[in-house]
Amino acid sequence: MATTISTLDAGQFMATERPTTHQVFRGNAAGRQQDLLEREFFGRVVLPNGTVKSTNANRMNDLNAAALPFVEQFAKQPVQIMDVGISSGVSTVEWYEQLSGAGIGCQIVATDLTVYASLLTLGSNFGALIDRHRNILHLDIMGRGAPPSAKGVQGLFAAVVRMAFRAAMAVDRSLPPLRGQTQECANGMLLKCEPVSLLTKKMTQQSSLQVVEDDLVTSDKPEFKEAFHVVRAANILNRAYFADATLLQMLDKLKNRLKPNGVLIVCRTNDEGINNGTIFRRVADRQFQVLTRVGSGSEIEDLLPMV
């Protein structure tokens, strides 16, 4: 569905149609203009697995509405929620606003594999966002944002810029951000490094939202054991991303994070923007019971009995 932009917004949008990291995170934009900047920017932040960091607004509205009655069952106390694989956090903020609007007090722990990055600048015209493993996620080239790779002439230019940053990282390899400590500021012989959180600015405006980097495949966080009334995993537990053996491992980890009688929400948005999800309850013997479905249900529903 096409997005309608007002005349004023359209003019502003064209001026920042390829925003740089500084324009998005250090600029003075607010409201609709900030939303436009973030949408364009995160659509060019490419993670090592080939996915982008963007999430469309209002993408989970029907899923949130279906889950609301089951979340309300815990509302006599602050509801402890985990939102897994949040990307830029847009859907997490929308969910929090929906629950708050319904009078439900909640605290949300939002997780993603890559939340914290370092912006490396080389001279005054070039920047590169890197993750803790020094993967280049985004480029700033002469005042315009760009994905780390592309086709044609743009791809050749991006490759040259990547090579320049790789060479500079080798020279300044002892800097903390180049050794995994992306949240530290540092200056080297060639590079200046400053921390960036790859999240919508709206995430930082809510004290009830906590963000944690988390790898469901490899990490083990004892503090999360049976800590949550509700866990949502949207657009992460997909057979297009993982083999069934890995999905079972991830589902088992999420099950262990649920309190007894807790609710697990699993959903995937298809290419047409339609959500297909299933809402489960963890019942006796740590098994899962289907509470309701959205669309045609989760594509991995058949794996739950095996967890």
C-alpha atoms as a PDB file:
ATOM      1  CA  MET A   1       0.000   0.000   0.000  1.00  0.00           C
ATOM      2  CA  ALA A   2       1.436   3.389  -0.968  1.00  0.00           C
ATOM      3  CA  THR A   3       2.216   5.855   1.796  1.00  0.00           C
ATOM      4  CA  THR A   4       0.596   9.288   1.473  1.00  0.00           C
ATOM      5  CA  ILE A   5       2.934  12.158   2.411  1.00  0.00           C
ATOM      6  CA  SER A   6       1.812  15.750   2.832  1.00  0.00           C
ATOM      7  CA  THR A   7       3.301  18.470   0.592  1.00  0.00           C
ATOM      8  CA  LEU A   8       5.568  19.732   3.372  1.00  0.00           C
ATOM      9  CA  ASP A   9       6.650  16.248   4.338  1.00  0.00           C
ATOM     10  CA  ALA A  10       7.321  15.376   0.708  1.00  0.00           C
ATOM     11  CA  GLY A  11       9.709  18.291   0.345  1.00  0.00           C
ATOM     12  CA  GLN A  12      11.516  17.423   3.546  1.00  0.00           C
ATOM     13  CA  PHE A  13      11.549  13.762   2.556  1.00  0.00           C
ATOM     14  CA  MET A  14      13.217  14.431  -0.804  1.00  0.00           C
ATOM     15  CA  ALA A  15      15.925  16.440   0.952  1.00  0.00           C
ATOM     16  CA  THR A  16      16.772  13.535   3.224  1.00  0.00           C
ATOM     17  CA  GLU A  17      15.856  10.608   1.023  1.00  0.00           C
ATOM     18  CA  ARG A  18      19.208   8.923   1.724  1.00  0.00           C
ATOM     19  CA  PRO A  19      19.881  10.152   5.289  1.00  0.00           C
ATOM     20  CA  THR A  20      23.225   9.688   6.957  1.00  0.00           C
ATOM     21  CA  THR A  21      23.738   8.220  10.405  1.00  0.00           C
ATOM     22  CA  HIS A  22      24.225  11.680  11.907  1.00  0.00           C
ATOM     23  CA  GLN A  23      21.034  13.002  10.324  1.00  0.00           C
ATOM     24  CA  VAL A  24      19.031  10.175  11.895  1.00  0.00           C
ATOM     25  CA  PHE A  25      20.599   9.953  15.350  1.00  0.00           C
ATOM     26  CA  ARG A  26      22.181  13.353  15.974  1.00  0.00           C
ATOM     27  CA  GLY A  27      19.778  15.640  14.120  1.00  0.00           C
ATOM     28  CA  ASN A  28      16.865  17.729  15.404  1.00  0.00           C
ATOM     29  CA  ALA A  29      14.063  16.088  13.404  1.00  0.00           C
ATOM     30  CA  ALA A  30      10.960  15.034  15.314  1.00  0.00           C
ATOM     31  CA  GLY A  31       7.566  13.484  14.742  1.00  0.00           C
ATOM     32  CA  ARG A  32       6.693  12.584  11.169  1.00  0.00           C
ATOM     33  CA  GLN A  33      10.004  13.811   9.780  1.00  0.00           C
ATOM     34  CA  GLN A  34      11.991  11.628  12.193  1.00  0.00           C
ATOM     35  CA  ASP A  35       9.827   8.645  11.283  1.00  0.00           C
ATOM     36  CA  LEU A  36      10.588   9.219   7.600  1.00  0.00           C
ATOM     37  CA  LEU A  37      14.314   9.534   8.269  1.00  0.00           C
ATOM     38  CA  GLU A  38      14.355   6.314  10.284  1.00  0.00           C
ATOM     39  CA  ARG A  39      12.345   4.377   7.721  1.00  0.00           C
ATOM     40  CA  GLU A  40      14.730   5.334   4.931  1.00  0.00           C
ATOM     41  CA  PHE A  41      17.836   4.806   7.036  1.00  0.00           C
ATOM     42  CA  PHE A  42      16.983   1.403   8.508  1.00  0.00           C
ATOM     43  CA  GLY A  43      16.016   0.143   5.054  1.00  0.00           C
ATOM     44  CA  ARG A  44      19.712   0.517   4.120  1.00  0.00           C
ATOM     45  CA  VAL A  45      21.192  -1.029   7.267  1.00  0.00           C
ATOM     46  CA  VAL A  46      22.048  -4.555   6.122  1.00  0.00           C
ATOM     47  CA  LEU A  47      22.865  -7.179   8.736  1.00  0.00           C
ATOM     48  CA  PRO A  48      25.394  -9.975   8.136  1.00  0.00           C
ATOM     49  CA  ASN A  49      22.568 -12.457   7.383  1.00  0.00           C
ATOM     50  CA  GLY A  50      21.329 -10.230   4.540  1.00  0.00           C
ATOM     51  CA  THR A  51      18.240  -8.866   6.271  1.00  0.00           C
ATOM     52  CA  VAL A  52      17.612  -5.160   6.764  1.00  0.00           C
ATOM     53  CA  LYS A  53      16.886  -3.407  10.037  1.00  0.00           C
ATOM     54  CA  SER A  54      13.619  -1.766   8.988  1.00  0.00           C
ATOM     55  CA  THR A  55      10.105  -2.550  10.228  1.00  0.00           C
ATOM     56  CA  ASN A  56       6.952  -1.026   8.759  1.00  0.00           C
ATOM     57  CA  ALA A  57       4.722   0.945  11.093  1.00  0.00           C
ATOM     58  CA  ASN A  58       1.485  -0.729  12.263  1.00  0.00           C
ATOM     59  CA  ARG A  59       2.719  -4.075  10.991  1.00  0.00           C
ATOM     60  CA  MET A  60       1.525  -6.004  14.044  1.00  0.00           C
ATOM     61  CA  ASN A  61      -1.792  -4.313  14.781  1.00  0.00           C
ATOM     62  CA  ASP A  62      -3.967  -7.393  14.203  1.00  0.00           C
ATOM     63  CA  LEU A  63      -1.574  -9.615  16.160  1.00  0.00           C
ATOM     64  CA  ASN A  64      -1.544  -7.164  19.070  1.00  0.00           C
ATOM     65  CA  ALA A  65      -5.341  -7.057  19.071  1.00  0.00           C
ATOM     66  CA  ALA A  66      -5.558 -10.861  19.114  1.00  0.00           C
ATOM     67  CA  ALA A  67      -3.061 -11.098  21.974  1.00  0.00           C
ATOM     68  CA  LEU A  68      -4.653  -8.384  24.130  1.00  0.00           C
ATOM     69  CA  PRO A  69      -7.220 -10.586  25.975  1.00  0.00           C
ATOM     70  CA  PHE A  70      -4.495 -13.038  26.969  1.00  0.00           C
ATOM     71  CA  VAL A  71      -2.112 -10.317  28.138  1.00  0.00           C
ATOM     72  CA  GLU A  72      -4.932  -8.759  30.171  1.00  0.00           C
ATOM     73  CA  GLN A  73      -5.136 -11.951  32.247  1.00  0.00           C
ATOM     74  CA  PHE A  74      -1.850 -10.958  33.903  1.00  0.00           C
ATOM     75  CA  ALA A  75      -2.749  -7.296  34.388  1.00  0.00           C
ATOM     76  CA  LYS A  76      -3.239  -7.437  38.173  1.00  0.00           C
ATOM     77  CA  GLN A  77       0.535  -7.019  38.339  1.00  0.00           C
ATOM     78  CA  PRO A  78       3.014  -5.287  36.015  1.00  0.00           C
ATOM     79  CA  VAL A  79       3.107  -7.680  33.078  1.00  0.00           C
ATOM     80  CA  GLN A  80       6.631  -8.858  32.306  1.00  0.00           C
ATOM     81  CA  ILE A  81       7.045  -9.127  28.538  1.00  0.00           C
ATOM     82  CA  MET A  82       9.879 -10.163  26.241  1.00  0.00           C
ATOM     83  CA  ASP A  83       9.811  -9.070  22.602  1.00  0.00           C
ATOM     84  CA  VAL A  84      12.325 -11.071  20.549  1.00  0.00           C
ATOM     85  CA  GLY A  85      14.018  -9.936  17.350  1.00  0.00           C
ATOM     86  CA  ILE A  86      12.801  -6.339  17.511  1.00  0.00           C
ATOM     87  CA  SER A  87      14.798  -4.955  14.564  1.00  0.00           C
ATOM     88  CA  SER A  88      14.592  -1.153  15.006  1.00  0.00           C
ATOM     89  CA  GLY A  89      11.994  -1.415  17.782  1.00  0.00           C
ATOM     90  CA  VAL A  90       9.081   0.225  15.934  1.00  0.00           C
ATOM     91  CA  SER A  91       6.689  -2.672  16.592  1.00  0.00           C
ATOM     92  CA  THR A  92       7.787  -2.895  20.227  1.00  0.00           C
ATOM     93  CA  VAL A  93       6.918   0.754  20.840  1.00  0.00           C
ATOM     94  CA  GLU A  94       3.547   0.313  19.124  1.00  0.00           C
ATOM     95  CA  TRP A  95       2.776  -2.734  21.274  1.00  0.00           C
ATOM     96  CA  TYR A  96       3.711  -0.867  24.436  1.00  0.00           C
ATOM     97  CA  GLU A  97       1.491   2.049  23.442  1.00  0.00           C
ATOM     98  CA  GLN A  98      -1.420  -0.311  22.750  1.00  0.00           C
ATOM     99  CA  LEU A  99      -1.068  -2.014  26.136  1.00  0.00           C
ATOM    100  CA  SER A 100      -0.663   1.293  27.960  1.00  0.00           C
ATOM    101  CA  GLY A 101      -3.736   2.656  26.184  1.00  0.00           C
ATOM    102  CA  ALA A 102      -5.676  -0.380  27.429  1.00  0.00           C
ATOM    103  CA  GLY A 103      -4.611   0.431  30.988  1.00  0.00           C
ATOM    104  CA  ILE A 104      -2.168  -2.489  31.256  1.00  0.00           C
ATOM    105  CA  GLY A 105       0.995  -1.768  33.213  1.00  0.00           C
ATOM    106  CA  CYS A 106       3.917  -3.614  31.691  1.00  0.00           C
ATOM    107  CA  GLN A 107       7.673  -3.791  31.436  1.00  0.00           C
ATOM    108  CA  ILE A 108       9.143  -4.989  28.162  1.00  0.00           C
ATOM    109  CA  VAL A 109      12.583  -6.483  27.611  1.00  0.00           C
ATOM    110  CA  ALA A 110      13.244  -6.092  23.886  1.00  0.00           C
ATOM    111  CA  THR A 111      16.002  -8.184  22.322  1.00  0.00           C
ATOM    112  CA  ASP A 112      17.818  -8.365  19.023  1.00  0.00           C
ATOM    113  CA  LEU A 113      21.037  -9.867  17.748  1.00  0.00           C
ATOM    114  CA  THR A 114      22.453  -6.480  16.739  1.00  0.00           C
ATOM    115  CA  VAL A 115      21.403  -3.405  18.706  1.00  0.00           C
ATOM    116  CA  TYR A 116      24.633  -1.540  19.388  1.00  0.00           C
ATOM    117  CA  ALA A 117      26.987  -0.356  16.675  1.00  0.00           C
ATOM    118  CA  SER A 118      29.913   2.002  16.247  1.00  0.00           C
ATOM    119  CA  LEU A 119      30.021   4.784  13.690  1.00  0.00           C
ATOM    120  CA  LEU A 120      33.503   5.061  12.233  1.00  0.00           C
ATOM    121  CA  THR A 121      34.366   8.258  10.416  1.00  0.00           C
ATOM    122  CA  LEU A 122      37.262   8.552   8.022  1.00  0.00           C
ATOM    123  CA  GLY A 123      37.949  12.166   7.164  1.00  0.00           C
ATOM    124  CA  SER A 124      34.958  14.492   6.874  1.00  0.00           C
ATOM    125  CA  ASN A 125      33.059  12.745   4.080  1.00  0.00           C
ATOM    126  CA  PHE A 126      32.976   9.035   4.879  1.00  0.00           C
ATOM    127  CA  GLY A 127      31.397   6.970   7.645  1.00  0.00           C
ATOM    128  CA  ALA A 128      30.746   3.305   8.275  1.00  0.00           C
ATOM    129  CA  LEU A 129      28.547   1.608  10.849  1.00  0.00           C
ATOM    130  CA  ILE A 130      30.032  -1.609  12.212  1.00  0.00           C
ATOM    131  CA  ASP A 131      28.736  -4.230  14.638  1.00  0.00           C
ATOM    132  CA  ARG A 132      30.780  -5.802  17.426  1.00  0.00           C
ATOM    133  CA  HIS A 133      32.284  -8.264  14.930  1.00  0.00           C
ATOM    134  CA  ARG A 134      33.436  -5.419  12.629  1.00  0.00           C
ATOM    135  CA  ASN A 135      30.848  -6.233   9.963  1.00  0.00           C
ATOM    136  CA  ILE A 136      30.030  -3.114   7.953  1.00  0.00           C
ATOM    137  CA  LEU A 137      26.271  -2.479   8.112  1.00  0.00           C
ATOM    138  CA  HIS A 138      25.858   0.926   6.477  1.00  0.00           C
ATOM    139  CA  LEU A 139      27.938   3.595   4.747  1.00  0.00           C
ATOM    140  CA  ASP A 140      27.815   7.386   4.815  1.00  0.00           C
ATOM    141  CA  ILE A 141      29.332   8.667   1.582  1.00  0.00           C
ATOM    142  CA  MET A 142      29.718  12.391   0.982  1.00  0.00           C
ATOM    143  CA  GLY A 143      26.552  13.372   2.836  1.00  0.00           C
ATOM    144  CA  ARG A 144      24.345  10.493   1.724  1.00  0.00           C
ATOM    145  CA  GLY A 145      23.530   7.164   3.319  1.00  0.00           C
ATOM    146  CA  ALA A 146      24.085   3.910   1.437  1.00  0.00           C
ATOM    147  CA  PRO A 147      23.863   0.165   2.007  1.00  0.00           C
ATOM    148  CA  PRO A 148      27.238  -1.559   2.436  1.00  0.00           C
ATOM    149  CA  SER A 149      26.984  -3.174  -1.006  1.00  0.00           C
ATOM    150  CA  ALA A 150      25.085  -2.510  -4.229  1.00  0.00           C
ATOM    151  CA  LYS A 151      25.044  -3.332  -7.926  1.00  0.00           C
ATOM    152  CA  GLY A 152      26.645  -1.505 -10.803  1.00  0.00           C
ATOM    153  CA  VAL A 153      28.711   1.656 -10.430  1.00  0.00           C
ATOM    154  CA  GLN A 154      27.332   2.306  -6.941  1.00  0.00           C
ATOM    155  CA  GLY A 155      28.480  -1.163  -5.929  1.00  0.00           C
ATOM    156  CA  LEU A 156      32.002  -0.516  -7.193  1.00  0.00           C
ATOM    157  CA  PHE A 157      32.180   2.765  -5.277  1.00  0.00           C
ATOM    158  CA  ALA A 158      30.816   1.104  -2.126  1.00  0.00           C
ATOM    159  CA  ALA A 159      33.451  -1.622  -2.480  1.00  0.00           C
ATOM    160  CA  VAL A 160      36.228   0.996  -2.671  1.00  0.00           C
ATOM    161  CA  VAL A 161      34.882   2.729   0.453  1.00  0.00           C
ATOM    162  CA  ARG A 162      34.660  -0.611   2.293  1.00  0.00           C
ATOM    163  CA  MET A 163      38.258  -1.375   1.374  1.00  0.00           C
ATOM    164  CA  ALA A 164      39.351   2.013   2.699  1.00  0.00           C
ATOM    165  CA  PHE A 165      37.612   1.359   6.004  1.00  0.00           C
ATOM    166  CA  ARG A 166      39.041  -2.156   6.254  1.00  0.00           C
ATOM    167  CA  ALA A 167      42.534  -0.722   5.781  1.00  0.00           C
ATOM    168  CA  ALA A 168      41.874   1.992   8.390  1.00  0.00           C
ATOM    169  CA  MET A 169      40.493  -0.608  10.836  1.00  0.00           C
ATOM    170  CA  ALA A 170      43.688  -2.613  10.417  1.00  0.00           C
ATOM    171  CA  VAL A 171      45.762   0.450  11.305  1.00  0.00           C
ATOM    172  CA  ASP A 172      43.571   1.333  14.317  1.00  0.00           C
ATOM    173  CA  ARG A 173      42.800  -2.265  15.309  1.00  0.00           C
ATOM    174  CA  SER A 174      43.596  -1.671  18.994  1.00  0.00           C
ATOM    175  CA  LEU A 175      40.691   0.758  19.458  1.00  0.00           C
ATOM    176  CA  PRO A 176      38.006  -0.645  21.822  1.00  0.00           C
ATOM    177  CA  PRO A 177      35.132  -0.345  19.274  1.00  0.00           C
ATOM    178  CA  LEU A 178      37.171  -2.490  16.880  1.00  0.00           C
ATOM    179  CA  ARG A 179      37.540  -5.111  19.598  1.00  0.00           C
ATOM    180  CA  GLY A 180      33.831  -5.532  20.233  1.00  0.00           C
ATOM    181  CA  GLN A 181      33.239  -2.637  22.630  1.00  0.00           C
ATOM    182  CA  THR A 182      30.982  -0.708  20.301  1.00  0.00           C
ATOM    183  CA  GLN A 183      29.525   1.525  23.016  1.00  0.00           C
ATOM    184  CA  GLU A 184      32.831   3.286  23.677  1.00  0.00           C
ATOM    185  CA  CYS A 185      34.049   6.482  22.038  1.00  0.00           C
ATOM    186  CA  ALA A 186      37.579   6.365  20.644  1.00  0.00           C
ATOM    187  CA  ASN A 187      39.981   8.208  18.349  1.00  0.00           C
ATOM    188  CA  GLY A 188      42.765   6.526  16.420  1.00  0.00           C
ATOM    189  CA  MET A 189      45.355   7.516  13.878  1.00  0.00           C
ATOM    190  CA  LEU A 190      42.753   7.416  11.098  1.00  0.00           C
ATOM    191  CA  LEU A 191      39.362   6.716  12.607  1.00  0.00           C
ATOM    192  CA  LYS A 192      36.990   8.428  14.990  1.00  0.00           C
ATOM    193  CA  CYS A 193      34.490   6.073  16.661  1.00  0.00           C
ATOM    194  CA  GLU A 194      31.206   6.957  18.364  1.00  0.00           C
ATOM    195  CA  PRO A 195      28.448   4.667  19.661  1.00  0.00           C
ATOM    196  CA  VAL A 196      25.085   4.311  17.942  1.00  0.00           C
ATOM    197  CA  SER A 197      22.031   2.346  19.089  1.00  0.00           C
ATOM    198  CA  LEU A 198      20.224   0.963  16.040  1.00  0.00           C
ATOM    199  CA  LEU A 199      16.779   1.757  17.429  1.00  0.00           C
ATOM    200  CA  THR A 200      13.991   4.178  16.748  1.00  0.00           C
ATOM    201  CA  LYS A 201      14.338   7.242  18.967  1.00  0.00           C
ATOM    202  CA  LYS A 202      10.934   6.404  20.448  1.00  0.00           C
ATOM    203  CA  MET A 203      12.507   3.442  22.260  1.00  0.00           C
ATOM    204  CA  THR A 204      14.590   5.756  24.432  1.00  0.00           C
ATOM    205  CA  GLN A 205      11.546   7.800  25.447  1.00  0.00           C
ATOM    206  CA  GLN A 206       9.955   4.984  27.479  1.00  0.00           C
ATOM    207  CA  SER A 207      11.508   3.965  30.796  1.00  0.00           C
ATOM    208  CA  SER A 208       9.495   0.723  30.789  1.00  0.00           C
ATOM    209  CA  LEU A 209      11.354  -0.529  27.702  1.00  0.00           C
ATOM    210  CA  GLN A 210      14.719  -2.247  28.201  1.00  0.00           C
ATOM    211  CA  VAL A 211      16.864  -3.344  25.262  1.00  0.00           C
ATOM    212  CA  VAL A 212      19.290  -6.279  25.369  1.00  0.00           C
ATOM    213  CA  GLU A 213      21.479  -7.841  22.686  1.00  0.00           C
ATOM    214  CA  ASP A 214      20.651 -11.545  22.621  1.00  0.00           C
ATOM    215  CA  ASP A 215      21.499 -14.472  20.365  1.00  0.00           C
ATOM    216  CA  LEU A 216      18.869 -17.191  20.770  1.00  0.00           C
ATOM    217  CA  VAL A 217      21.171 -19.740  19.172  1.00  0.00           C
ATOM    218  CA  THR A 218      24.253 -19.311  21.334  1.00  0.00           C
ATOM    219  CA  SER A 219      23.506 -17.172  24.403  1.00  0.00           C
ATOM    220  CA  ASP A 220      22.258 -18.384  27.764  1.00  0.00           C
ATOM    221  CA  LYS A 221      20.891 -15.794  30.182  1.00  0.00           C
ATOM    222  CA  PRO A 222      20.019 -17.347  33.567  1.00  0.00           C
ATOM    223  CA  GLU A 223      18.317 -14.120  34.682  1.00  0.00           C
ATOM    224  CA  PHE A 224      15.616 -14.742  32.062  1.00  0.00           C
ATOM    225  CA  LYS A 225      14.590 -18.168  33.401  1.00  0.00           C
ATOM    226  CA  GLU A 226      10.789 -18.153  33.955  1.00  0.00           C
ATOM    227  CA  ALA A 227      10.902 -14.343  34.092  1.00  0.00           C
ATOM    228  CA  PHE A 228       8.150 -13.422  31.621  1.00  0.00           C
ATOM    229  CA  HIS A 229       4.380 -13.652  31.464  1.00  0.00           C
ATOM    230  CA  VAL A 230       4.419 -13.079  27.697  1.00  0.00           C
ATOM    231  CA  VAL A 231       7.067 -13.705  25.025  1.00  0.00           C
ATOM    232  CA  ARG A 232       6.585 -12.545  21.440  1.00  0.00           C
ATOM    233  CA  ALA A 233       8.757 -13.783  18.565  1.00  0.00           C
ATOM    234  CA  ALA A 234       7.674 -12.038  15.368  1.00  0.00           C
ATOM    235  CA  ASN A 235       9.483 -12.560  12.069  1.00  0.00           C
ATOM    236  CA  ILE A 236      12.395 -14.436  13.562  1.00  0.00           C
ATOM    237  CA  LEU A 237      11.377 -18.101  14.043  1.00  0.00           C
ATOM    238  CA  ASN A 238      11.078 -18.694  10.315  1.00  0.00           C
ATOM    239  CA  ARG A 239      11.989 -21.768   8.292  1.00  0.00           C
ATOM    240  CA  ALA A 240      13.402 -19.393   5.678  1.00  0.00           C
ATOM    241  CA  TYR A 241      16.045 -18.396   8.256  1.00  0.00           C
ATOM    242  CA  PHE A 242      16.714 -21.544  10.285  1.00  0.00           C
ATOM    243  CA  ALA A 243      16.640 -25.332  10.039  1.00  0.00           C
ATOM    244  CA  ASP A 244      14.123 -27.161  12.234  1.00  0.00           C
ATOM    245  CA  ALA A 245      16.838 -28.333  14.627  1.00  0.00           C
ATOM    246  CA  THR A 246      17.853 -24.721  15.287  1.00  0.00           C
ATOM    247  CA  LEU A 247      14.235 -23.601  15.601  1.00  0.00           C
ATOM    248  CA  LEU A 248      13.631 -26.298  18.227  1.00  0.00           C
ATOM    249  CA  GLN A 249      16.645 -25.080  20.174  1.00  0.00           C
ATOM    250  CA  MET A 250      15.364 -21.498  20.060  1.00  0.00           C
ATOM    251  CA  LEU A 251      11.814 -22.510  21.029  1.00  0.00           C
ATOM    252  CA  ASP A 252      13.137 -24.455  24.004  1.00  0.00           C
ATOM    253  CA  LYS A 253      15.040 -21.396  25.160  1.00  0.00           C
ATOM    254  CA  LEU A 254      11.944 -19.215  24.877  1.00  0.00           C
ATOM    255  CA  LYS A 255       9.843 -21.801  26.718  1.00  0.00           C
ATOM    256  CA  ASN A 256      12.301 -21.705  29.611  1.00  0.00           C
ATOM    257  CA  ARG A 257      11.912 -17.922  29.770  1.00  0.00           C
ATOM    258  CA  LEU A 258       8.134 -18.172  30.249  1.00  0.00           C
ATOM    259  CA  LYS A 259       6.494 -18.281  33.634  1.00  0.00           C
ATOM    260  CA  PRO A 260       4.060 -21.196  34.233  1.00  0.00           C
ATOM    261  CA  ASN A 261       0.865 -20.467  32.252  1.00  0.00           C
ATOM    262  CA  GLY A 262       2.779 -17.861  30.294  1.00  0.00           C
ATOM    263  CA  VAL A 263       1.844 -16.900  26.735  1.00  0.00           C
ATOM    264  CA  LEU A 264       4.052 -17.403  23.661  1.00  0.00           C
ATOM    265  CA  ILE A 265       3.266 -15.467  20.471  1.00  0.00           C
ATOM    266  CA  VAL A 266       4.891 -16.652  17.238  1.00  0.00           C
ATOM    267  CA  CYS A 267       4.220 -14.852  13.953  1.00  0.00           C
ATOM    268  CA  ARG A 268       5.561 -14.320  10.468  1.00  0.00           C
ATOM    269  CA  THR A 269       4.567 -11.513   8.100  1.00  0.00           C
ATOM    270  CA  ASN A 270       4.409 -12.692   4.475  1.00  0.00           C
ATOM    271  CA  ASP A 271       5.423 -10.731   1.391  1.00  0.00           C
ATOM    272  CA  GLU A 272       1.915  -9.277   1.086  1.00  0.00           C
ATOM    273  CA  GLY A 273       2.114  -7.876   4.628  1.00  0.00           C
ATOM    274  CA  ILE A 274      -0.283 -10.460   6.065  1.00  0.00           C
ATOM    275  CA  ASN A 275       0.471 -11.788   9.543  1.00  0.00           C
ATOM    276  CA  ASN A 276       0.228 -15.520  10.121  1.00  0.00           C
ATOM    277  CA  GLY A 277       0.696 -16.339  13.782  1.00  0.00           C
ATOM    278  CA  THR A 278      -0.307 -18.556  16.677  1.00  0.00           C
ATOM    279  CA  ILE A 279      -0.724 -17.644  20.336  1.00  0.00           C
ATOM    280  CA  PHE A 280       0.121 -20.447  22.770  1.00  0.00           C
ATOM    281  CA  ARG A 281      -0.051 -20.963  26.505  1.00  0.00           C
ATOM    282  CA  ARG A 282       2.567 -22.903  28.436  1.00  0.00           C
ATOM    283  CA  VAL A 283       0.537 -25.414  30.428  1.00  0.00           C
ATOM    284  CA  ALA A 284       1.200 -28.397  32.714  1.00  0.00           C
ATOM    285  CA  ASP A 285       4.278 -30.496  31.961  1.00  0.00           C
ATOM    286  CA  ARG A 286       5.697 -27.476  30.128  1.00  0.00           C
ATOM    287  CA  GLN A 287       3.657 -28.232  27.026  1.00  0.00           C
ATOM    288  CA  PHE A 288       1.964 -25.678  24.778  1.00  0.00           C
ATOM    289  CA  GLN A 289      -1.754 -25.202  24.165  1.00  0.00           C
ATOM    290  CA  VAL A 290      -3.039 -23.233  21.159  1.00  0.00           C
ATOM    291  CA  LEU A 291      -5.139 -20.272  22.297  1.00  0.00           C
ATOM    292  CA  THR A 292      -5.891 -18.596  18.979  1.00  0.00           C
ATOM    293  CA  ARG A 293      -4.533 -18.004  15.502  1.00  0.00           C
ATOM    294  CA  VAL A 294      -4.055 -14.980  13.273  1.00  0.00           C
ATOM    295  CA  GLY A 295      -4.292 -15.625   9.549  1.00  0.00           C
ATOM    296  CA  SER A 296      -3.294 -19.208   8.792  1.00  0.00           C
ATOM    297  CA  GLY A 297      -1.312 -19.618  12.025  1.00  0.00           C
ATOM    298  CA  SER A 298       2.412 -19.965  12.604  1.00  0.00           C
ATOM    299  CA  GLU A 299       4.371 -21.974  10.061  1.00  0.00           C
ATOM    300  CA  ILE A 300       6.282 -23.671  12.893  1.00  0.00           C
ATOM    301  CA  GLU A 301       3.225 -24.640  14.959  1.00  0.00           C
ATOM    302  CA  ASP A 302       3.986 -28.295  14.220  1.00  0.00           C
ATOM    303  CA  LEU A 303       7.317 -27.996  16.080  1.00  0.00           C
ATOM    304  CA  LEU A 304       5.822 -27.004  19.449  1.00  0.00           C
ATOM    305  CA  PRO A 305       4.835 -30.540  20.515  1.00  0.00           C
ATOM    306  CA  MET A 306       8.490 -31.535  20.088  1.00  0.00           C
ATOM    307  CA  VAL A 307       9.882 -28.857  22.409  1.00  0.00           C
END
